[in-house]
């Protein structure tokens, strides 16, 4: 399964990327996050492997995330004309996923964040979930982008949300 979601954020690209790259902010916008801890490497750096635990639908899902691409390596040094790329591979029980983030300038104070998602499932149960519920994956991806936008633009924390 493959799909792309996007959102425009009313902040300069450099500020958007710095907010996203800061692990301290993850619980504020990543709905359902229980734990995100590096197993090897430094958070957000190329090659870093992290244990990620998410709560969804009343259950916890544990995955291992590996950063497979980070351009530029330092989010404080972004050339104006370049596209910022941040790719990661996520592996969990019965699932493999590649997530490719691209950040481009949409204007002087605006950033376009595009996320390409690819999923592969193994095992009967996960293949069935992927076949019967592809919309749930898209919905969750869009929700994460909208939550980050609300956090970045207005300081909204998903842990305080009532929706």
C-alpha atoms as a PDB file:
ATOM      1  CA  UNK A   1       0.000   0.000   0.000  1.00  0.00           C
ATOM      2  CA  UNK A   2       1.331   3.456  -0.919  1.00  0.00           C
ATOM      3  CA  UNK A   3      -0.120   6.923  -0.437  1.00  0.00           C
ATOM      4  CA  UNK A   4       0.977  10.535   0.075  1.00  0.00           C
ATOM      5  CA  UNK A   5      -0.420  13.142   2.462  1.00  0.00           C
ATOM      6  CA  UNK A   6       0.585  16.783   2.795  1.00  0.00           C
ATOM      7  CA  UNK A   7      -0.030  19.920   4.807  1.00  0.00           C
ATOM      8  CA  UNK A   8       1.002  23.561   4.478  1.00  0.00           C
ATOM      9  CA  UNK A   9       2.350  25.121   7.668  1.00  0.00           C
ATOM     10  CA  UNK A  10       2.383  28.864   8.290  1.00  0.00           C
ATOM     11  CA  UNK A  11       6.014  28.941   9.437  1.00  0.00           C
ATOM     12  CA  UNK A  12       9.357  29.238   7.640  1.00  0.00           C
ATOM     13  CA  UNK A  13      10.820  25.901   6.593  1.00  0.00           C
ATOM     14  CA  UNK A  14      13.831  26.132   8.920  1.00  0.00           C
ATOM     15  CA  UNK A  15      11.641  26.689  11.987  1.00  0.00           C
ATOM     16  CA  UNK A  16       9.252  23.913  10.916  1.00  0.00           C
ATOM     17  CA  UNK A  17      12.098  21.406  10.489  1.00  0.00           C
ATOM     18  CA  UNK A  18      13.714  22.393  13.805  1.00  0.00           C
ATOM     19  CA  UNK A  19      10.415  21.909  15.681  1.00  0.00           C
ATOM     20  CA  UNK A  20       9.880  18.546  14.040  1.00  0.00           C
ATOM     21  CA  UNK A  21      13.454  17.408  14.732  1.00  0.00           C
ATOM     22  CA  UNK A  22      13.319  18.224  18.460  1.00  0.00           C
ATOM     23  CA  UNK A  23      12.489  15.011  20.401  1.00  0.00           C
ATOM     24  CA  UNK A  24      11.208  17.066  23.316  1.00  0.00           C
ATOM     25  CA  UNK A  25       8.237  18.156  21.178  1.00  0.00           C
ATOM     26  CA  UNK A  26       7.200  14.665  19.962  1.00  0.00           C
ATOM     27  CA  UNK A  27       4.604  14.008  22.724  1.00  0.00           C
ATOM     28  CA  UNK A  28       3.021  17.412  22.038  1.00  0.00           C
ATOM     29  CA  UNK A  29       1.965  16.566  18.488  1.00  0.00           C
ATOM     30  CA  UNK A  30       2.422  12.816  17.897  1.00  0.00           C
ATOM     31  CA  UNK A  31      -0.953  11.545  19.071  1.00  0.00           C
ATOM     32  CA  UNK A  32      -0.757   8.162  20.788  1.00  0.00           C
ATOM     33  CA  UNK A  33       2.984   8.291  21.477  1.00  0.00           C
ATOM     34  CA  UNK A  34       3.894   6.298  24.572  1.00  0.00           C
ATOM     35  CA  UNK A  35       7.667   6.047  24.072  1.00  0.00           C
ATOM     36  CA  UNK A  36      10.311   7.056  21.538  1.00  0.00           C
ATOM     37  CA  UNK A  37      13.796   6.116  22.695  1.00  0.00           C
ATOM     38  CA  UNK A  38      17.017   5.698  20.712  1.00  0.00           C
ATOM     39  CA  UNK A  39      18.477   2.193  20.938  1.00  0.00           C
ATOM     40  CA  UNK A  40      21.601   3.243  19.032  1.00  0.00           C
ATOM     41  CA  UNK A  41      22.697   6.637  17.794  1.00  0.00           C
ATOM     42  CA  UNK A  42      21.321  10.097  18.508  1.00  0.00           C
ATOM     43  CA  UNK A  43      17.671  11.035  17.971  1.00  0.00           C
ATOM     44  CA  UNK A  44      16.985  12.074  14.394  1.00  0.00           C
ATOM     45  CA  UNK A  45      20.488  11.374  13.069  1.00  0.00           C
ATOM     46  CA  UNK A  46      21.180   9.198  10.055  1.00  0.00           C
ATOM     47  CA  UNK A  47      21.425   5.527  11.043  1.00  0.00           C
ATOM     48  CA  UNK A  48      19.829   5.971  14.458  1.00  0.00           C
ATOM     49  CA  UNK A  49      17.571   3.114  15.528  1.00  0.00           C
ATOM     50  CA  UNK A  50      14.798   3.837  18.036  1.00  0.00           C
ATOM     51  CA  UNK A  51      12.155   1.885  19.894  1.00  0.00           C
ATOM     52  CA  UNK A  52       8.744   3.443  19.325  1.00  0.00           C
ATOM     53  CA  UNK A  53       5.612   2.531  21.264  1.00  0.00           C
ATOM     54  CA  UNK A  54       2.259   3.939  20.128  1.00  0.00           C
ATOM     55  CA  UNK A  55      -1.195   3.527  21.643  1.00  0.00           C
ATOM     56  CA  UNK A  56      -3.954   3.094  19.068  1.00  0.00           C
ATOM     57  CA  UNK A  57      -7.425   1.677  19.407  1.00  0.00           C
ATOM     58  CA  UNK A  58      -6.924   0.665  23.028  1.00  0.00           C
ATOM     59  CA  UNK A  59      -3.754  -1.327  22.396  1.00  0.00           C
ATOM     60  CA  UNK A  60      -0.052  -0.614  22.276  1.00  0.00           C
ATOM     61  CA  UNK A  61       1.983  -1.173  19.137  1.00  0.00           C
ATOM     62  CA  UNK A  62       5.768  -1.451  19.362  1.00  0.00           C
ATOM     63  CA  UNK A  63       8.041  -0.813  16.371  1.00  0.00           C
ATOM     64  CA  UNK A  64      11.675  -0.150  15.585  1.00  0.00           C
ATOM     65  CA  UNK A  65      12.407   2.989  13.557  1.00  0.00           C
ATOM     66  CA  UNK A  66      15.644   3.518  11.621  1.00  0.00           C
ATOM     67  CA  UNK A  67      16.603   6.861  10.075  1.00  0.00           C
ATOM     68  CA  UNK A  68      17.626   6.050   6.493  1.00  0.00           C
ATOM     69  CA  UNK A  69      18.057   9.554   5.069  1.00  0.00           C
ATOM     70  CA  UNK A  70      18.574  13.028   6.536  1.00  0.00           C
ATOM     71  CA  UNK A  71      19.349  15.900   4.153  1.00  0.00           C
ATOM     72  CA  UNK A  72      20.759  18.200   5.261  1.00  0.00           C
ATOM     73  CA  UNK A  73      22.232  16.482   8.299  1.00  0.00           C
ATOM     74  CA  UNK A  74      21.943  19.649  10.408  1.00  0.00           C
ATOM     75  CA  UNK A  75      18.465  21.280  10.365  1.00  0.00           C
ATOM     76  CA  UNK A  76      20.059  24.637  11.194  1.00  0.00           C
ATOM     77  CA  UNK A  77      21.950  24.716   7.898  1.00  0.00           C
ATOM     78  CA  UNK A  78      19.337  24.490   5.136  1.00  0.00           C
ATOM     79  CA  UNK A  79      20.189  26.064   1.775  1.00  0.00           C
ATOM     80  CA  UNK A  80      17.249  28.117   0.473  1.00  0.00           C
ATOM     81  CA  UNK A  81      16.917  26.232  -2.796  1.00  0.00           C
ATOM     82  CA  UNK A  82      17.200  22.709  -1.400  1.00  0.00           C
ATOM     83  CA  UNK A  83      14.464  20.278  -0.425  1.00  0.00           C
ATOM     84  CA  UNK A  84      14.752  18.920   3.110  1.00  0.00           C
ATOM     85  CA  UNK A  85      14.405  15.126   3.154  1.00  0.00           C
ATOM     86  CA  UNK A  86      13.910  12.901   6.167  1.00  0.00           C
ATOM     87  CA  UNK A  87      13.303   9.191   5.529  1.00  0.00           C
ATOM     88  CA  UNK A  88      12.801   6.378   7.981  1.00  0.00           C
ATOM     89  CA  UNK A  89      11.995   2.701   7.981  1.00  0.00           C
ATOM     90  CA  UNK A  90       9.618   1.293  10.582  1.00  0.00           C
ATOM     91  CA  UNK A  91       9.327  -2.407  11.409  1.00  0.00           C
ATOM     92  CA  UNK A  92       6.750  -3.940  13.714  1.00  0.00           C
ATOM     93  CA  UNK A  93       4.997  -7.256  14.114  1.00  0.00           C
ATOM     94  CA  UNK A  94       3.582  -8.143  10.698  1.00  0.00           C
ATOM     95  CA  UNK A  95       4.431  -4.754   9.196  1.00  0.00           C
ATOM     96  CA  UNK A  96       7.216  -2.906   7.380  1.00  0.00           C
ATOM     97  CA  UNK A  97       6.867   0.752   6.470  1.00  0.00           C
ATOM     98  CA  UNK A  98       8.940   3.392   4.704  1.00  0.00           C
ATOM     99  CA  UNK A  99       8.139   7.025   5.412  1.00  0.00           C
ATOM    100  CA  UNK A 100       9.651   9.736   3.202  1.00  0.00           C
ATOM    101  CA  UNK A 101       9.221  13.337   4.370  1.00  0.00           C
ATOM    102  CA  UNK A 102       9.895  16.308   2.078  1.00  0.00           C
ATOM    103  CA  UNK A 103       9.857  19.931   3.190  1.00  0.00           C
ATOM    104  CA  UNK A 104       9.803  22.703   0.588  1.00  0.00           C
ATOM    105  CA  UNK A 105       9.257  26.424   0.808  1.00  0.00           C
ATOM    106  CA  UNK A 106       5.677  27.295  -0.093  1.00  0.00           C
ATOM    107  CA  UNK A 107       6.364  31.013   0.413  1.00  0.00           C
ATOM    108  CA  UNK A 108       8.511  33.249   2.625  1.00  0.00           C
ATOM    109  CA  UNK A 109       6.743  32.184   5.819  1.00  0.00           C
ATOM    110  CA  UNK A 110       5.167  28.906   4.643  1.00  0.00           C
ATOM    111  CA  UNK A 111       6.321  25.284   4.434  1.00  0.00           C
ATOM    112  CA  UNK A 112       4.849  22.428   2.436  1.00  0.00           C
ATOM    113  CA  UNK A 113       5.315  19.091   4.223  1.00  0.00           C
ATOM    114  CA  UNK A 114       4.693  16.067   2.007  1.00  0.00           C
ATOM    115  CA  UNK A 115       4.830  12.542   3.412  1.00  0.00           C
ATOM    116  CA  UNK A 116       5.007   9.482   1.191  1.00  0.00           C
ATOM    117  CA  UNK A 117       4.029   6.301   3.033  1.00  0.00           C
ATOM    118  CA  UNK A 118       4.617   2.741   1.908  1.00  0.00           C
ATOM    119  CA  UNK A 119       3.420  -0.311   3.847  1.00  0.00           C
ATOM    120  CA  UNK A 120       4.040  -4.021   3.414  1.00  0.00           C
ATOM    121  CA  UNK A 121       2.261  -6.554   5.583  1.00  0.00           C
ATOM    122  CA  UNK A 122       3.074 -10.136   6.531  1.00  0.00           C
ATOM    123  CA  UNK A 123       0.965 -12.670   8.352  1.00  0.00           C
ATOM    124  CA  UNK A 124      -2.729 -13.249   7.738  1.00  0.00           C
ATOM    125  CA  UNK A 125      -4.053 -10.758  10.331  1.00  0.00           C
ATOM    126  CA  UNK A 126      -1.932  -7.809   9.190  1.00  0.00           C
ATOM    127  CA  UNK A 127      -2.564  -8.521   5.501  1.00  0.00           C
ATOM    128  CA  UNK A 128      -6.278  -8.510   6.269  1.00  0.00           C
ATOM    129  CA  UNK A 129      -6.006  -5.197   8.150  1.00  0.00           C
ATOM    130  CA  UNK A 130      -4.110  -3.654   5.215  1.00  0.00           C
ATOM    131  CA  UNK A 131      -6.681  -4.943   2.741  1.00  0.00           C
ATOM    132  CA  UNK A 132      -9.817  -4.008   4.677  1.00  0.00           C
ATOM    133  CA  UNK A 133      -8.718  -0.781   6.359  1.00  0.00           C
ATOM    134  CA  UNK A 134      -6.385   1.206   4.068  1.00  0.00           C
ATOM    135  CA  UNK A 135      -8.327   4.382   4.895  1.00  0.00           C
ATOM    136  CA  UNK A 136      -7.411   4.073   8.573  1.00  0.00           C
ATOM    137  CA  UNK A 137      -3.707   4.371   7.726  1.00  0.00           C
ATOM    138  CA  UNK A 138      -4.299   7.486   5.593  1.00  0.00           C
ATOM    139  CA  UNK A 139      -6.532   9.007   8.265  1.00  0.00           C
ATOM    140  CA  UNK A 140      -3.901   8.476  10.958  1.00  0.00           C
ATOM    141  CA  UNK A 141      -1.160   9.987   8.741  1.00  0.00           C
ATOM    142  CA  UNK A 142      -3.309  13.057   8.005  1.00  0.00           C
ATOM    143  CA  UNK A 143      -4.091  13.382  11.729  1.00  0.00           C
ATOM    144  CA  UNK A 144      -0.376  13.417  12.619  1.00  0.00           C
ATOM    145  CA  UNK A 145       0.264  16.196  10.065  1.00  0.00           C
ATOM    146  CA  UNK A 146      -2.718  18.237  11.272  1.00  0.00           C
ATOM    147  CA  UNK A 147      -1.640  17.780  14.897  1.00  0.00           C
ATOM    148  CA  UNK A 148       1.878  18.974  14.087  1.00  0.00           C
ATOM    149  CA  UNK A 149       0.474  21.985  12.192  1.00  0.00           C
ATOM    150  CA  UNK A 150      -1.699  22.931  15.201  1.00  0.00           C
ATOM    151  CA  UNK A 151       1.290  22.539  17.523  1.00  0.00           C
ATOM    152  CA  UNK A 152       3.697  24.488  15.291  1.00  0.00           C
ATOM    153  CA  UNK A 153       1.320  27.348  14.479  1.00  0.00           C
ATOM    154  CA  UNK A 154      -0.701  27.669  17.693  1.00  0.00           C
ATOM    155  CA  UNK A 155       1.169  25.688  20.364  1.00  0.00           C
ATOM    156  CA  UNK A 156      -1.674  23.158  20.645  1.00  0.00           C
ATOM    157  CA  UNK A 157      -0.677  20.058  22.627  1.00  0.00           C
ATOM    158  CA  UNK A 158      -2.512  16.825  21.679  1.00  0.00           C
ATOM    159  CA  UNK A 159      -2.303  15.639  25.278  1.00  0.00           C
ATOM    160  CA  UNK A 160      -4.632  18.493  26.230  1.00  0.00           C
ATOM    161  CA  UNK A 161      -7.004  18.028  23.273  1.00  0.00           C
ATOM    162  CA  UNK A 162     -10.591  16.986  23.875  1.00  0.00           C
ATOM    163  CA  UNK A 163     -11.211  15.610  20.358  1.00  0.00           C
END
